[in-house]
Amino acid sequence: MITCIGTKLIETKRLMLRKFEYTDDENMLKYWISDPKIQSMYLEPVYTTKEEVRALIGKYISGYEKKDYYRWAIILKETNDCIGQIAYFLLDKNNHFAEIEYCIGSLFQRKGLATEATRAVINYGFEEMNLHKVQISHKSINIPSRRVIEKCGFVYEGTLRDFFYMDGRYVDRLYYSILKDEFI
């Protein structure tokens, strides 16, 4: 049975994963939420104004009132900047699994930070939420995301062919999972 405890602070060597705050708006605009390349990989809209971002943060903050809501700002400890986000956006209480989504600004990619955040959230899911399985997916064109998934030890489960239509072409969606007893 899943234990719904909500979004709580998670600390890693280089990161702090915490609830979003309105003061994250400038970093979000600077590093990721206004970047069409980053946002298109997650089918999220591009935000260009502080007002739009603050409205989104408001939705996140109101979500924190629910014990089955899990969304973290990825904060780089060294600078205290919000460099991305990570969440359990799908929670299946009947079958004891959740699905992760994440994004990280392009300046911070290929440094192991997304892997560090993802491992921490997987651990949170297994140890704090009592999940049996964590799943994740990526678009076939998102090779950096595939590398994060592989480094975290996920097992490939299958491909949903031509799942997304992007920029005039179809793109596959690849699914992976990891079970509690497989996570090291």
N, C-alpha and C. Protein backbone atom coordinates (compact mmCIF):
# COMPACT_ATOMS: atom_id res chain seq x y z
N MET A 1 0.84 -1.19 0.00
CA MET A 1 0.00 0.00 0.00
C MET A 1 0.88 1.25 0.00
N ILE A 2 0.55 2.18 -0.86
CA ILE A 2 1.33 3.42 -0.96
C ILE A 2 1.06 4.31 0.25
N THR A 3 2.12 4.90 0.76
CA THR A 3 2.03 5.88 1.83
C THR A 3 2.09 7.26 1.20
N CYS A 4 1.00 8.01 1.25
CA CYS A 4 0.96 9.34 0.65
C CYS A 4 1.43 10.37 1.67
N ILE A 5 2.62 10.88 1.44
CA ILE A 5 3.23 11.82 2.39
C ILE A 5 3.49 13.19 1.77
N GLY A 6 3.25 13.33 0.48
CA GLY A 6 3.44 14.61 -0.20
C GLY A 6 4.91 14.92 -0.47
N THR A 7 5.12 16.09 -1.00
CA THR A 7 6.44 16.54 -1.41
C THR A 7 7.22 17.03 -0.19
N LYS A 8 8.27 16.31 0.12
CA LYS A 8 9.13 16.70 1.24
C LYS A 8 10.54 16.95 0.72
N LEU A 9 11.30 17.69 1.47
CA LEU A 9 12.66 18.04 1.10
C LEU A 9 13.52 16.79 0.94
N ILE A 10 14.29 16.77 -0.16
CA ILE A 10 15.26 15.71 -0.42
C ILE A 10 16.59 16.40 -0.68
N GLU A 11 17.64 15.93 -0.02
CA GLU A 11 18.95 16.51 -0.21
C GLU A 11 19.91 15.46 -0.77
N THR A 12 20.71 15.86 -1.76
CA THR A 12 21.74 14.99 -2.32
C THR A 12 23.07 15.73 -2.17
N LYS A 13 24.11 15.16 -2.73
CA LYS A 13 25.44 15.77 -2.62
C LYS A 13 25.45 17.19 -3.20
N ARG A 14 24.89 17.37 -4.39
CA ARG A 14 24.95 18.67 -5.07
C ARG A 14 23.63 19.40 -5.18
N LEU A 15 22.54 18.72 -4.81
CA LEU A 15 21.21 19.27 -5.06
C LEU A 15 20.35 19.31 -3.82
N MET A 16 19.38 20.21 -3.87
CA MET A 16 18.30 20.22 -2.91
C MET A 16 17.03 20.14 -3.75
N LEU A 17 16.20 19.16 -3.45
CA LEU A 17 14.92 19.02 -4.11
C LEU A 17 13.88 19.47 -3.10
N ARG A 18 13.19 20.54 -3.44
CA ARG A 18 12.25 21.13 -2.49
C ARG A 18 11.00 21.60 -3.23
N LYS A 19 10.01 22.02 -2.45
CA LYS A 19 8.79 22.58 -3.04
C LYS A 19 9.14 23.87 -3.77
N PHE A 20 8.39 24.14 -4.83
CA PHE A 20 8.57 25.40 -5.56
C PHE A 20 8.15 26.57 -4.70
N GLU A 21 8.82 27.71 -4.92
CA GLU A 21 8.51 28.97 -4.26
C GLU A 21 8.38 30.04 -5.34
N TYR A 22 7.63 31.07 -5.06
CA TYR A 22 7.45 32.14 -6.05
C TYR A 22 8.78 32.77 -6.46
N THR A 23 9.75 32.77 -5.56
CA THR A 23 11.05 33.36 -5.87
C THR A 23 11.86 32.54 -6.89
N ASP A 24 11.36 31.38 -7.27
CA ASP A 24 12.03 30.57 -8.30
C ASP A 24 11.76 31.09 -9.71
N ASP A 25 10.86 32.05 -9.84
CA ASP A 25 10.41 32.48 -11.17
C ASP A 25 11.55 32.95 -12.08
N GLU A 26 12.46 33.73 -11.58
CA GLU A 26 13.54 34.26 -12.42
C GLU A 26 14.46 33.15 -12.92
N ASN A 27 14.85 32.25 -12.04
CA ASN A 27 15.70 31.12 -12.45
C ASN A 27 15.00 30.23 -13.46
N MET A 28 13.71 29.99 -13.24
CA MET A 28 12.95 29.16 -14.17
C MET A 28 12.97 29.77 -15.57
N LEU A 29 12.74 31.07 -15.64
CA LEU A 29 12.76 31.76 -16.94
C LEU A 29 14.17 31.75 -17.54
N LYS A 30 15.15 31.95 -16.72
CA LYS A 30 16.54 32.04 -17.20
C LYS A 30 17.06 30.70 -17.69
N TYR A 31 16.74 29.62 -16.98
CA TYR A 31 17.41 28.35 -17.24
C TYR A 31 16.63 27.31 -18.02
N TRP A 32 15.28 27.32 -17.96
CA TRP A 32 14.61 26.21 -18.62
C TRP A 32 13.20 26.45 -19.12
N ILE A 33 12.37 27.14 -18.42
CA ILE A 33 10.95 27.16 -18.78
C ILE A 33 10.65 28.03 -20.00
N SER A 34 11.60 28.88 -20.37
CA SER A 34 11.42 29.72 -21.58
C SER A 34 12.16 29.15 -22.78
N ASP A 35 12.78 28.00 -22.62
CA ASP A 35 13.57 27.38 -23.68
C ASP A 35 12.69 26.42 -24.49
N PRO A 36 12.38 26.78 -25.74
CA PRO A 36 11.50 25.92 -26.55
C PRO A 36 12.03 24.50 -26.72
N LYS A 37 13.34 24.33 -26.81
CA LYS A 37 13.93 23.00 -26.99
C LYS A 37 13.67 22.13 -25.76
N ILE A 38 13.88 22.69 -24.58
CA ILE A 38 13.65 21.96 -23.33
C ILE A 38 12.16 21.63 -23.19
N GLN A 39 11.33 22.62 -23.34
CA GLN A 39 9.90 22.45 -23.11
C GLN A 39 9.25 21.50 -24.11
N SER A 40 9.74 21.50 -25.35
CA SER A 40 9.15 20.62 -26.36
C SER A 40 9.42 19.15 -26.05
N MET A 41 10.50 18.86 -25.38
CA MET A 41 10.81 17.47 -25.04
C MET A 41 9.82 16.91 -24.02
N TYR A 42 9.12 17.79 -23.33
CA TYR A 42 8.18 17.36 -22.29
C TYR A 42 6.76 17.79 -22.60
N LEU A 43 6.54 18.22 -23.85
CA LEU A 43 5.23 18.67 -24.30
C LEU A 43 4.63 19.73 -23.39
N GLU A 44 5.49 20.57 -22.86
CA GLU A 44 5.05 21.66 -22.00
C GLU A 44 5.13 22.97 -22.77
N PRO A 45 4.25 23.91 -22.44
CA PRO A 45 4.31 25.21 -23.12
C PRO A 45 5.56 26.00 -22.73
N VAL A 46 5.94 26.92 -23.59
CA VAL A 46 7.04 27.83 -23.30
C VAL A 46 6.45 29.02 -22.55
N TYR A 47 7.06 29.36 -21.43
CA TYR A 47 6.62 30.51 -20.63
C TYR A 47 7.61 31.64 -20.86
N THR A 48 7.10 32.85 -21.08
CA THR A 48 7.99 33.97 -21.41
C THR A 48 7.90 35.13 -20.43
N THR A 49 6.92 35.13 -19.55
CA THR A 49 6.79 36.25 -18.61
C THR A 49 6.78 35.74 -17.18
N LYS A 50 7.17 36.62 -16.28
CA LYS A 50 7.14 36.29 -14.85
C LYS A 50 5.71 35.98 -14.40
N GLU A 51 4.75 36.69 -14.97
CA GLU A 51 3.35 36.48 -14.59
C GLU A 51 2.91 35.05 -14.93
N GLU A 52 3.27 34.58 -16.12
CA GLU A 52 2.93 33.21 -16.52
C GLU A 52 3.58 32.19 -15.60
N VAL A 53 4.85 32.42 -15.30
CA VAL A 53 5.59 31.49 -14.46
C VAL A 53 5.04 31.50 -13.04
N ARG A 54 4.73 32.67 -12.53
CA ARG A 54 4.19 32.76 -11.18
C ARG A 54 2.82 32.08 -11.08
N ALA A 55 2.03 32.15 -12.14
CA ALA A 55 0.74 31.45 -12.16
C ALA A 55 0.97 29.93 -12.11
N LEU A 56 1.96 29.45 -12.85
CA LEU A 56 2.29 28.03 -12.82
C LEU A 56 2.79 27.61 -11.43
N ILE A 57 3.66 28.42 -10.86
CA ILE A 57 4.15 28.13 -9.50
C ILE A 57 2.98 28.10 -8.53
N GLY A 58 2.02 28.99 -8.70
CA GLY A 58 0.83 28.99 -7.85
C GLY A 58 0.08 27.67 -7.92
N LYS A 59 0.00 27.09 -9.14
CA LYS A 59 -0.65 25.78 -9.28
C LYS A 59 0.14 24.71 -8.54
N TYR A 60 1.48 24.77 -8.67
CA TYR A 60 2.32 23.82 -7.94
C TYR A 60 2.10 23.96 -6.44
N ILE A 61 2.14 25.18 -5.95
CA ILE A 61 2.00 25.43 -4.51
C ILE A 61 0.64 24.95 -4.00
N SER A 62 -0.42 25.18 -4.76
CA SER A 62 -1.73 24.70 -4.31
C SER A 62 -1.78 23.17 -4.32
N GLY A 63 -1.03 22.55 -5.21
CA GLY A 63 -0.96 21.08 -5.25
C GLY A 63 -0.35 20.50 -3.99
N TYR A 64 0.56 21.25 -3.37
CA TYR A 64 1.23 20.75 -2.17
C TYR A 64 0.27 20.52 -1.00
N GLU A 65 -0.94 21.04 -1.09
CA GLU A 65 -1.92 20.81 -0.03
C GLU A 65 -2.38 19.35 -0.01
N LYS A 66 -2.21 18.66 -1.15
CA LYS A 66 -2.63 17.26 -1.25
C LYS A 66 -1.45 16.35 -0.90
N LYS A 67 -1.73 15.30 -0.16
CA LYS A 67 -0.68 14.37 0.26
C LYS A 67 -0.24 13.42 -0.85
N ASP A 68 -0.95 13.42 -1.98
CA ASP A 68 -0.55 12.56 -3.10
C ASP A 68 -0.01 13.38 -4.28
N TYR A 69 0.58 14.53 -3.96
CA TYR A 69 1.15 15.43 -4.96
C TYR A 69 2.67 15.49 -4.73
N TYR A 70 3.42 15.24 -5.80
CA TYR A 70 4.88 15.15 -5.68
C TYR A 70 5.55 15.92 -6.82
N ARG A 71 6.01 17.12 -6.54
CA ARG A 71 6.73 17.92 -7.53
C ARG A 71 7.80 18.74 -6.81
N TRP A 72 9.03 18.60 -7.28
CA TRP A 72 10.16 19.26 -6.65
C TRP A 72 10.85 20.24 -7.61
N ALA A 73 11.29 21.35 -7.07
CA ALA A 73 12.22 22.25 -7.76
C ALA A 73 13.60 21.64 -7.56
N ILE A 74 14.39 21.59 -8.63
CA ILE A 74 15.76 21.11 -8.52
C ILE A 74 16.65 22.32 -8.27
N ILE A 75 17.23 22.38 -7.09
CA ILE A 75 18.04 23.53 -6.67
C ILE A 75 19.51 23.11 -6.61
N LEU A 76 20.35 23.83 -7.32
CA LEU A 76 21.79 23.59 -7.28
C LEU A 76 22.31 24.22 -6.00
N LYS A 77 22.83 23.40 -5.09
CA LYS A 77 23.29 23.90 -3.79
C LYS A 77 24.33 25.00 -3.92
N GLU A 78 25.26 24.82 -4.85
CA GLU A 78 26.38 25.75 -5.02
C GLU A 78 25.92 27.19 -5.25
N THR A 79 24.82 27.36 -5.99
CA THR A 79 24.36 28.71 -6.34
C THR A 79 22.98 29.05 -5.79
N ASN A 80 22.27 28.04 -5.30
CA ASN A 80 20.88 28.17 -4.85
C ASN A 80 19.92 28.50 -5.99
N ASP A 81 20.30 28.16 -7.23
CA ASP A 81 19.47 28.42 -8.40
C ASP A 81 18.55 27.24 -8.67
N CYS A 82 17.34 27.54 -9.13
CA CYS A 82 16.40 26.53 -9.59
C CYS A 82 16.75 26.20 -11.04
N ILE A 83 17.25 24.99 -11.26
CA ILE A 83 17.77 24.61 -12.59
C ILE A 83 16.86 23.63 -13.33
N GLY A 84 15.75 23.23 -12.71
CA GLY A 84 14.83 22.30 -13.35
C GLY A 84 13.76 21.84 -12.38
N GLN A 85 13.07 20.80 -12.78
CA GLN A 85 12.01 20.24 -11.94
C GLN A 85 11.96 18.73 -12.13
N ILE A 86 11.40 18.06 -11.13
CA ILE A 86 11.21 16.61 -11.19
C ILE A 86 9.94 16.29 -10.42
N ALA A 87 9.19 15.30 -10.90
CA ALA A 87 7.90 15.00 -10.27
C ALA A 87 7.51 13.55 -10.48
N TYR A 88 6.66 13.08 -9.59
CA TYR A 88 5.85 11.90 -9.85
C TYR A 88 4.54 12.47 -10.38
N PHE A 89 4.37 12.46 -11.69
CA PHE A 89 3.17 13.08 -12.27
C PHE A 89 2.01 12.09 -12.38
N LEU A 90 2.31 10.82 -12.26
CA LEU A 90 1.28 9.78 -12.31
C LEU A 90 1.48 8.89 -11.10
N LEU A 91 0.44 8.71 -10.33
CA LEU A 91 0.50 7.88 -9.14
C LEU A 91 -0.66 6.88 -9.20
N ASP A 92 -0.35 5.60 -9.24
CA ASP A 92 -1.36 4.55 -9.29
C ASP A 92 -1.38 3.86 -7.92
N LYS A 93 -2.32 4.26 -7.09
CA LYS A 93 -2.41 3.74 -5.72
C LYS A 93 -2.83 2.28 -5.69
N ASN A 94 -3.64 1.86 -6.64
CA ASN A 94 -4.12 0.47 -6.67
C ASN A 94 -3.01 -0.51 -7.01
N ASN A 95 -2.10 -0.09 -7.89
CA ASN A 95 -1.06 -1.00 -8.36
C ASN A 95 0.33 -0.64 -7.83
N HIS A 96 0.40 0.35 -6.95
CA HIS A 96 1.60 0.69 -6.20
C HIS A 96 2.78 1.14 -7.07
N PHE A 97 2.49 1.96 -8.08
CA PHE A 97 3.58 2.51 -8.88
C PHE A 97 3.34 3.98 -9.18
N ALA A 98 4.41 4.62 -9.60
CA ALA A 98 4.34 6.03 -9.99
C ALA A 98 5.27 6.24 -11.18
N GLU A 99 5.00 7.30 -11.93
CA GLU A 99 5.84 7.62 -13.09
C GLU A 99 6.50 8.97 -12.88
N ILE A 100 7.79 9.02 -13.21
CA ILE A 100 8.62 10.22 -13.05
C ILE A 100 8.66 11.01 -14.35
N GLU A 101 8.69 12.32 -14.19
CA GLU A 101 9.05 13.23 -15.28
C GLU A 101 10.06 14.21 -14.72
N TYR A 102 10.93 14.71 -15.59
CA TYR A 102 11.91 15.70 -15.14
C TYR A 102 12.33 16.54 -16.32
N CYS A 103 12.87 17.70 -16.00
CA CYS A 103 13.56 18.51 -17.00
C CYS A 103 14.63 19.31 -16.27
N ILE A 104 15.67 19.60 -17.00
CA ILE A 104 16.78 20.34 -16.43
C ILE A 104 17.31 21.26 -17.52
N GLY A 105 17.68 22.48 -17.13
CA GLY A 105 18.17 23.45 -18.10
C GLY A 105 19.39 22.95 -18.86
N SER A 106 19.51 23.37 -20.12
CA SER A 106 20.59 22.86 -20.99
C SER A 106 21.98 23.18 -20.44
N LEU A 107 22.14 24.27 -19.72
CA LEU A 107 23.44 24.60 -19.12
C LEU A 107 23.88 23.57 -18.09
N PHE A 108 22.93 22.81 -17.57
CA PHE A 108 23.21 21.89 -16.47
C PHE A 108 23.14 20.42 -16.89
N GLN A 109 22.94 20.20 -18.17
CA GLN A 109 22.88 18.84 -18.68
C GLN A 109 24.29 18.27 -18.87
N ARG A 110 24.36 16.95 -18.93
CA ARG A 110 25.62 16.23 -19.10
C ARG A 110 26.61 16.47 -17.95
N LYS A 111 26.07 16.68 -16.76
CA LYS A 111 26.89 16.85 -15.56
C LYS A 111 26.47 15.84 -14.47
N GLY A 112 25.54 14.97 -14.80
CA GLY A 112 25.06 13.98 -13.83
C GLY A 112 24.01 14.51 -12.87
N LEU A 113 23.56 15.73 -13.04
CA LEU A 113 22.61 16.33 -12.11
C LEU A 113 21.21 15.73 -12.26
N ALA A 114 20.77 15.50 -13.49
CA ALA A 114 19.46 14.88 -13.69
C ALA A 114 19.46 13.46 -13.13
N THR A 115 20.56 12.75 -13.31
CA THR A 115 20.68 11.39 -12.76
C THR A 115 20.64 11.43 -11.23
N GLU A 116 21.34 12.38 -10.65
CA GLU A 116 21.36 12.52 -9.19
C GLU A 116 19.96 12.81 -8.64
N ALA A 117 19.24 13.71 -9.29
CA ALA A 117 17.89 14.05 -8.87
C ALA A 117 16.95 12.86 -9.05
N THR A 118 17.06 12.18 -10.17
CA THR A 118 16.18 11.04 -10.45
C THR A 118 16.41 9.91 -9.46
N ARG A 119 17.66 9.60 -9.19
CA ARG A 119 17.94 8.54 -8.19
C ARG A 119 17.35 8.90 -6.83
N ALA A 120 17.47 10.16 -6.45
CA ALA A 120 16.94 10.59 -5.15
C ALA A 120 15.42 10.44 -5.10
N VAL A 121 14.75 10.77 -6.18
CA VAL A 121 13.29 10.67 -6.22
C VAL A 121 12.85 9.20 -6.29
N ILE A 122 13.60 8.36 -6.99
CA ILE A 122 13.31 6.93 -7.00
C ILE A 122 13.41 6.39 -5.57
N ASN A 123 14.51 6.73 -4.89
CA ASN A 123 14.71 6.28 -3.51
C ASN A 123 13.56 6.76 -2.62
N TYR A 124 13.16 8.00 -2.77
CA TYR A 124 12.03 8.57 -2.00
C TYR A 124 10.77 7.73 -2.25
N GLY A 125 10.55 7.38 -3.51
CA GLY A 125 9.37 6.59 -3.85
C GLY A 125 9.37 5.22 -3.19
N PHE A 126 10.53 4.57 -3.20
CA PHE A 126 10.61 3.24 -2.62
C PHE A 126 10.64 3.28 -1.09
N GLU A 127 11.44 4.17 -0.53
CA GLU A 127 11.65 4.18 0.92
C GLU A 127 10.58 4.95 1.69
N GLU A 128 10.10 6.04 1.15
CA GLU A 128 9.15 6.89 1.88
C GLU A 128 7.69 6.64 1.47
N MET A 129 7.47 6.37 0.17
CA MET A 129 6.10 6.21 -0.33
C MET A 129 5.68 4.74 -0.41
N ASN A 130 6.63 3.84 -0.26
CA ASN A 130 6.37 2.41 -0.32
C ASN A 130 5.88 1.95 -1.69
N LEU A 131 6.46 2.52 -2.74
CA LEU A 131 6.12 2.09 -4.10
C LEU A 131 6.71 0.71 -4.36
N HIS A 132 6.07 -0.03 -5.24
CA HIS A 132 6.61 -1.31 -5.71
C HIS A 132 7.41 -1.10 -7.01
N LYS A 133 6.95 -0.16 -7.82
CA LYS A 133 7.58 0.07 -9.13
C LYS A 133 7.57 1.56 -9.45
N VAL A 134 8.63 1.99 -10.12
CA VAL A 134 8.70 3.35 -10.67
C VAL A 134 8.89 3.19 -12.17
N GLN A 135 8.11 3.94 -12.92
CA GLN A 135 8.28 3.90 -14.37
C GLN A 135 8.64 5.28 -14.89
N ILE A 136 9.14 5.27 -16.13
CA ILE A 136 9.60 6.51 -16.75
C ILE A 136 9.56 6.30 -18.26
N SER A 137 9.45 7.37 -19.01
CA SER A 137 9.48 7.24 -20.47
C SER A 137 10.23 8.43 -21.05
N HIS A 138 10.58 8.30 -22.33
CA HIS A 138 11.20 9.41 -23.05
C HIS A 138 10.86 9.30 -24.52
N LYS A 139 10.98 10.42 -25.20
CA LYS A 139 10.82 10.43 -26.65
C LYS A 139 12.08 9.84 -27.28
N SER A 140 11.91 9.13 -28.37
CA SER A 140 13.05 8.48 -29.02
C SER A 140 14.13 9.47 -29.43
N ILE A 141 13.77 10.72 -29.65
CA ILE A 141 14.75 11.73 -30.06
C ILE A 141 15.50 12.35 -28.88
N ASN A 142 15.09 12.02 -27.66
CA ASN A 142 15.71 12.61 -26.47
C ASN A 142 16.78 11.66 -25.90
N ILE A 143 17.92 11.64 -26.55
CA ILE A 143 19.01 10.74 -26.18
C ILE A 143 19.57 11.05 -24.79
N PRO A 144 19.76 12.33 -24.42
CA PRO A 144 20.26 12.61 -23.05
C PRO A 144 19.35 12.03 -21.96
N SER A 145 18.04 12.09 -22.18
CA SER A 145 17.12 11.53 -21.20
C SER A 145 17.26 10.02 -21.13
N ARG A 146 17.47 9.38 -22.27
CA ARG A 146 17.68 7.93 -22.27
C ARG A 146 18.91 7.55 -21.44
N ARG A 147 19.97 8.37 -21.53
CA ARG A 147 21.18 8.09 -20.75
C ARG A 147 20.92 8.18 -19.25
N VAL A 148 20.13 9.17 -18.83
CA VAL A 148 19.77 9.30 -17.41
C VAL A 148 19.02 8.05 -16.96
N ILE A 149 18.07 7.63 -17.76
CA ILE A 149 17.25 6.46 -17.44
C ILE A 149 18.12 5.21 -17.30
N GLU A 150 19.04 5.02 -18.23
CA GLU A 150 19.94 3.86 -18.17
C GLU A 150 20.85 3.91 -16.95
N LYS A 151 21.39 5.08 -16.63
CA LYS A 151 22.28 5.22 -15.47
C LYS A 151 21.55 4.92 -14.16
N CYS A 152 20.25 5.15 -14.14
CA CYS A 152 19.47 4.90 -12.92
C CYS A 152 19.06 3.43 -12.79
N GLY A 153 19.34 2.62 -13.79
CA GLY A 153 19.08 1.19 -13.70
C GLY A 153 17.70 0.74 -14.15
N PHE A 154 16.97 1.59 -14.84
CA PHE A 154 15.66 1.20 -15.35
C PHE A 154 15.79 0.11 -16.40
N VAL A 155 14.77 -0.72 -16.50
CA VAL A 155 14.71 -1.81 -17.48
C VAL A 155 13.73 -1.41 -18.58
N TYR A 156 14.17 -1.55 -19.82
CA TYR A 156 13.32 -1.23 -20.97
C TYR A 156 12.12 -2.16 -21.01
N GLU A 157 10.93 -1.59 -21.19
CA GLU A 157 9.70 -2.39 -21.24
C GLU A 157 9.07 -2.43 -22.62
N GLY A 158 9.18 -1.34 -23.39
CA GLY A 158 8.56 -1.36 -24.70
C GLY A 158 8.45 0.02 -25.31
N THR A 159 8.05 0.03 -26.56
CA THR A 159 7.94 1.27 -27.32
C THR A 159 6.51 1.46 -27.80
N LEU A 160 5.99 2.65 -27.58
CA LEU A 160 4.73 3.06 -28.18
C LEU A 160 5.11 3.80 -29.46
N ARG A 161 4.92 3.14 -30.59
CA ARG A 161 5.39 3.66 -31.86
C ARG A 161 4.57 4.87 -32.31
N ASP A 162 5.25 5.82 -32.92
CA ASP A 162 4.61 7.03 -33.46
C ASP A 162 3.63 7.66 -32.46
N PHE A 163 4.03 7.74 -31.22
CA PHE A 163 3.16 8.22 -30.15
C PHE A 163 2.95 9.74 -30.21
N PHE A 164 4.01 10.47 -30.53
CA PHE A 164 3.95 11.94 -30.58
C PHE A 164 4.09 12.41 -32.03
N TYR A 165 3.40 13.50 -32.35
CA TYR A 165 3.59 14.16 -33.63
C TYR A 165 4.24 15.50 -33.35
N MET A 166 5.50 15.64 -33.74
CA MET A 166 6.29 16.83 -33.41
C MET A 166 6.99 17.35 -34.66
N ASP A 167 6.85 18.62 -34.91
CA ASP A 167 7.58 19.26 -36.00
C ASP A 167 7.44 18.50 -37.32
N GLY A 168 6.24 18.07 -37.62
CA GLY A 168 5.98 17.43 -38.89
C GLY A 168 6.38 15.97 -39.01
N ARG A 169 6.69 15.33 -37.87
CA ARG A 169 7.04 13.91 -37.94
C ARG A 169 6.58 13.20 -36.67
N TYR A 170 6.49 11.88 -36.78
CA TYR A 170 6.09 11.07 -35.65
C TYR A 170 7.32 10.63 -34.86
N VAL A 171 7.15 10.56 -33.54
CA VAL A 171 8.24 10.20 -32.64
C VAL A 171 7.72 9.13 -31.68
N ASP A 172 8.54 8.10 -31.46
CA ASP A 172 8.19 7.01 -30.55
C ASP A 172 8.34 7.44 -29.09
N ARG A 173 7.62 6.73 -28.22
CA ARG A 173 7.75 6.90 -26.77
C ARG A 173 8.23 5.58 -26.19
N LEU A 174 9.36 5.61 -25.50
CA LEU A 174 9.96 4.40 -24.94
C LEU A 174 9.71 4.35 -23.44
N TYR A 175 9.26 3.20 -22.95
CA TYR A 175 8.94 3.03 -21.54
C TYR A 175 9.94 2.12 -20.84
N TYR A 176 10.21 2.46 -19.58
CA TYR A 176 11.14 1.73 -18.72
C TYR A 176 10.53 1.65 -17.32
N SER A 177 11.02 0.70 -16.54
CA SER A 177 10.60 0.63 -15.13
C SER A 177 11.73 0.07 -14.29
N ILE A 178 11.59 0.25 -13.00
CA ILE A 178 12.49 -0.36 -12.03
C ILE A 178 11.64 -0.78 -10.84
N LEU A 179 11.90 -1.99 -10.34
CA LEU A 179 11.18 -2.51 -9.18
C LEU A 179 11.99 -2.22 -7.91
N LYS A 180 11.28 -2.17 -6.81
CA LYS A 180 11.93 -1.83 -5.54
C LYS A 180 13.13 -2.73 -5.26
N ASP A 181 13.00 -4.03 -5.49
CA ASP A 181 14.10 -4.93 -5.17
C ASP A 181 15.24 -4.88 -6.20
N GLU A 182 15.08 -4.12 -7.27
CA GLU A 182 16.14 -3.95 -8.27
C GLU A 182 16.96 -2.69 -8.02
N PHE A 183 16.42 -1.77 -7.23
CA PHE A 183 17.06 -0.48 -7.04
C PHE A 183 18.19 -0.58 -6.03
N ILE A 184 19.36 -0.15 -6.44
CA ILE A 184 20.55 -0.21 -5.57
C ILE A 184 20.85 1.17 -5.03
